[in-house]
Amino acid sequence: MNITNTTQDIINQLRKFNISTKMRSLESSDWIVYETIDNEIVGAAGMGGIFHTSSINIHEKFRGKGYGAKLQMELISEARKRNYSFVTVFVDPRNDSSTKLHNELGYETVFRIHFSKNIIQDIKIIIFKKRGITVKKFLKYFNTKIGIFFLAYILKILRSSFVSRSLFKKMLAYDEKEVPIPDIKCIIKNFEKIKG
């Protein structure tokens, strides 16, 4: 298991082994945990943004072999060592293996957003310190109809602004090629209150 700050060298390695080609958010991470076999990166988990957002990707030929769990456990351990108060993650609830993994590691779903017809995300958090409780309370506001309404409009405004990509990158370590267009009607119509 390797832990490193994100540099151009590690980004080049992630690209070389097709780890960050589908999930470019890893490249926006402040630091990365990665695993290698025979000098080949098989998977990586990264942490970045003001919401300490975690992202993970395992090369297709190594999926289902426990690397995701190992990487996430190491990422959580390193976050604790670095004195983080919390970690957040965005999980598609239709991805059963990712949902199960994050739940088993202690992540709690704070709210769900139906960003568009095809993009659904559960926002999860794991808390280490008191400040994490405050962040969770803030995020829980979006687990209400009025909260998701405001979030939908904020996302729409941000998406239409020229600073949206850099803002998403700074807040969430989100750096996909294109920031998805939020569908306000879909977000509000499909609101689901998360119990808990």
Protein backbone atom coordinates (compact mmCIF):
# COMPACT_ATOMS: atom_id res chain seq x y z
CA MET A 1 0.00 0.00 0.00
CA ASN A 2 1.34 3.42 -0.99
CA ILE A 3 0.35 6.89 0.19
CA THR A 4 1.46 10.04 -1.61
CA ASN A 5 0.52 13.64 -2.18
CA THR A 6 -0.97 14.15 -5.62
CA THR A 7 1.73 15.20 -8.07
CA GLN A 8 1.91 15.25 -11.84
CA ASP A 9 4.00 12.08 -11.66
CA ILE A 10 1.32 10.12 -9.79
CA ILE A 11 -1.37 11.55 -12.11
CA ASN A 12 0.63 10.27 -15.08
CA GLN A 13 0.89 6.85 -13.44
CA LEU A 14 -2.87 6.76 -12.73
CA ARG A 15 -3.53 7.61 -16.38
CA LYS A 16 -1.00 5.06 -17.62
CA PHE A 17 -2.81 2.25 -15.80
CA ASN A 18 -6.31 3.56 -16.68
CA ILE A 19 -7.20 4.33 -13.08
CA SER A 20 -8.06 8.01 -13.50
CA THR A 21 -9.24 7.98 -17.10
CA LYS A 22 -12.82 7.22 -16.02
CA MET A 23 -12.62 8.97 -12.65
CA ARG A 24 -10.62 12.14 -13.05
CA SER A 25 -11.60 13.29 -9.57
CA LEU A 26 -8.70 11.20 -8.29
CA GLU A 27 -6.42 13.69 -10.03
CA SER A 28 -7.93 16.54 -7.98
CA SER A 29 -7.26 14.78 -4.70
CA ASP A 30 -4.87 16.33 -2.23
CA TRP A 31 -3.39 12.90 -1.55
CA ILE A 32 -3.85 9.34 -2.78
CA VAL A 33 -3.63 5.81 -1.44
CA TYR A 34 -2.84 3.26 -4.13
CA GLU A 35 -2.01 -0.42 -4.50
CA THR A 36 0.34 -2.01 -6.98
CA ILE A 37 0.98 -5.51 -8.23
CA ASP A 38 4.13 -6.10 -10.29
CA ASN A 39 4.64 -2.32 -10.63
CA GLU A 40 1.10 -1.87 -12.01
CA ILE A 41 -1.38 0.34 -10.15
CA VAL A 42 -4.49 -1.79 -9.60
CA GLY A 43 -6.54 0.82 -7.77
CA ALA A 44 -6.47 4.14 -5.97
CA ALA A 45 -8.48 6.13 -3.45
CA GLY A 46 -8.04 9.86 -3.09
CA MET A 47 -9.03 12.61 -0.68
CA GLY A 48 -9.61 16.26 -1.44
CA GLY A 49 -11.77 19.36 -1.32
CA ILE A 50 -13.09 21.31 1.64
CA PHE A 51 -15.65 18.54 2.23
CA HIS A 52 -12.81 15.96 2.40
CA THR A 53 -14.39 14.05 -0.45
CA SER A 54 -13.13 10.56 -1.09
CA SER A 55 -13.05 8.99 -4.54
CA ILE A 56 -11.98 5.49 -5.50
CA ASN A 57 -11.42 3.47 -8.63
CA ILE A 58 -10.19 -0.08 -9.12
CA HIS A 59 -8.97 -1.28 -12.51
CA GLU A 60 -11.67 -3.50 -14.05
CA LYS A 61 -9.55 -6.67 -14.03
CA PHE A 62 -8.92 -6.33 -10.28
CA ARG A 63 -12.47 -5.61 -9.13
CA GLY A 64 -14.18 -7.98 -6.71
CA LYS A 65 -10.89 -9.02 -5.10
CA GLY A 66 -11.01 -6.84 -1.98
CA TYR A 67 -8.82 -3.98 -3.19
CA GLY A 68 -11.60 -1.42 -2.75
CA ALA A 69 -12.01 -2.33 0.92
CA LYS A 70 -8.24 -2.29 1.53
CA LEU A 71 -7.85 1.10 -0.13
CA GLN A 72 -10.81 2.65 1.70
CA MET A 73 -9.62 1.30 5.05
CA GLU A 74 -6.15 2.73 4.44
CA LEU A 75 -7.66 6.05 3.30
CA ILE A 76 -9.73 6.26 6.50
CA SER A 77 -6.70 5.37 8.61
CA GLU A 78 -4.58 8.01 6.88
CA ALA A 79 -7.34 10.62 7.25
CA ARG A 80 -7.34 9.97 11.00
CA LYS A 81 -3.53 10.25 11.12
CA ARG A 82 -3.76 13.56 9.26
CA ASN A 83 -6.21 14.81 11.89
CA TYR A 84 -9.29 15.00 9.64
CA SER A 85 -12.62 15.47 11.42
CA PHE A 86 -14.65 13.65 8.76
CA VAL A 87 -14.64 12.17 5.26
CA THR A 88 -17.47 12.37 2.73
CA VAL A 89 -18.15 10.22 -0.29
CA PHE A 90 -20.65 10.23 -3.15
CA VAL A 91 -22.06 6.77 -3.90
CA ASP A 92 -24.54 5.76 -6.58
CA PRO A 93 -27.11 3.80 -4.53
CA ARG A 94 -27.58 1.46 -7.50
CA ASN A 95 -23.94 0.36 -7.06
CA ASP A 96 -24.60 -2.35 -4.48
CA SER A 97 -20.95 -3.27 -3.86
CA SER A 98 -19.89 0.33 -3.23
CA THR A 99 -22.91 0.99 -1.01
CA LYS A 100 -22.22 -2.16 1.01
CA LEU A 101 -18.51 -1.37 1.33
CA HIS A 102 -19.04 2.19 2.56
CA ASN A 103 -21.78 1.14 4.98
CA GLU A 104 -19.54 -1.59 6.45
CA LEU A 105 -16.74 0.93 6.93
CA GLY A 106 -19.05 3.17 9.00
CA TYR A 107 -20.16 5.77 6.47
CA GLU A 108 -23.67 7.09 7.11
CA THR A 109 -25.95 8.34 4.34
CA VAL A 110 -26.83 11.97 4.99
CA PHE A 111 -28.96 12.73 1.93
CA ARG A 112 -29.73 11.55 -1.60
CA ILE A 113 -29.90 13.67 -4.72
CA HIS A 114 -31.42 12.65 -8.05
CA PHE A 115 -29.13 15.00 -9.94
CA SER A 116 -30.70 14.02 -13.25
CA LYS A 117 -32.56 11.09 -14.77
CA ASN A 118 -29.37 9.00 -14.88
CA ILE A 119 -27.34 10.40 -11.97
CA ILE A 120 -28.33 9.54 -8.40
CA GLN A 121 -25.92 10.10 -5.53
CA ASP A 122 -26.03 9.25 -1.85
CA ILE A 123 -23.88 11.66 0.11
CA LYS A 124 -22.27 9.74 2.96
CA ILE A 125 -20.08 10.82 5.85
CA ILE A 126 -17.84 9.16 8.41
CA ILE A 127 -17.07 11.25 11.48
CA PHE A 128 -13.88 11.22 13.54
CA LYS A 129 -14.17 14.43 15.58
CA LYS A 130 -16.65 17.03 16.83
CA ARG A 131 -16.24 19.27 13.75
CA GLY A 132 -17.50 16.35 11.66
CA ILE A 133 -20.77 16.41 13.60
CA THR A 134 -21.23 20.07 12.61
CA VAL A 135 -20.61 19.27 8.94
CA LYS A 136 -23.09 16.38 9.13
CA LYS A 137 -25.75 18.68 10.61
CA PHE A 138 -25.14 21.15 7.77
CA LEU A 139 -25.42 18.42 5.12
CA LYS A 140 -28.59 17.02 6.74
CA TYR A 141 -30.31 20.28 5.82
CA PHE A 142 -30.36 18.90 2.24
CA ASN A 143 -32.32 15.90 3.52
CA THR A 144 -35.42 18.12 3.58
CA LYS A 145 -37.62 19.25 0.68
CA ILE A 146 -36.73 22.90 1.22
CA GLY A 147 -33.04 22.04 1.54
CA ILE A 148 -32.94 19.99 -1.66
CA PHE A 149 -34.86 22.78 -3.41
CA PHE A 150 -32.17 25.31 -2.46
CA LEU A 151 -29.38 22.88 -3.33
CA ALA A 152 -30.92 22.30 -6.76
CA TYR A 153 -30.98 26.02 -7.51
CA ILE A 154 -27.49 26.57 -6.11
CA LEU A 155 -26.16 23.77 -8.32
CA LYS A 156 -27.95 25.21 -11.34
CA ILE A 157 -26.51 28.68 -10.71
CA LEU A 158 -23.03 27.28 -10.13
CA ARG A 159 -23.25 25.08 -13.21
CA SER A 160 -24.10 28.07 -15.38
CA SER A 161 -21.26 30.20 -14.01
CA PHE A 162 -17.79 30.27 -15.47
CA VAL A 163 -16.28 29.34 -12.12
CA SER A 164 -18.29 26.14 -11.68
CA ARG A 165 -15.56 23.67 -12.59
CA SER A 166 -12.92 25.28 -10.36
CA LEU A 167 -15.45 25.65 -7.52
CA PHE A 168 -16.53 22.00 -7.77
CA LYS A 169 -12.86 21.03 -7.84
CA LYS A 170 -12.05 23.08 -4.73
CA MET A 171 -15.13 22.05 -2.72
CA LEU A 172 -15.50 18.42 -3.70
CA ALA A 173 -12.28 17.45 -5.50
CA TYR A 174 -14.59 16.95 -8.49
CA ASP A 175 -12.75 17.22 -11.78
CA GLU A 176 -14.61 15.19 -14.35
CA LYS A 177 -14.42 16.51 -17.90
CA GLU A 178 -17.83 18.09 -17.60
CA VAL A 179 -19.85 19.14 -14.60
CA PRO A 180 -23.27 17.49 -15.10
CA ILE A 181 -26.25 19.74 -15.73
CA PRO A 182 -28.60 19.51 -12.75
CA ASP A 183 -32.24 18.84 -13.60
CA ILE A 184 -34.11 20.94 -11.03
CA LYS A 185 -37.46 19.27 -11.70
CA CYS A 186 -35.90 15.82 -11.34
CA ILE A 187 -34.09 16.79 -8.13
CA ILE A 188 -37.25 18.12 -6.49
CA LYS A 189 -39.71 15.56 -7.91
CA ASN A 190 -37.58 12.57 -6.88
CA PHE A 191 -36.65 13.83 -3.41
CA GLU A 192 -36.25 10.92 -0.99
CA LYS A 193 -35.86 11.60 2.71
CA ILE A 194 -33.12 9.44 4.20
CA LYS A 195 -34.17 7.92 7.53
CA GLY A 196 -31.82 8.26 10.44
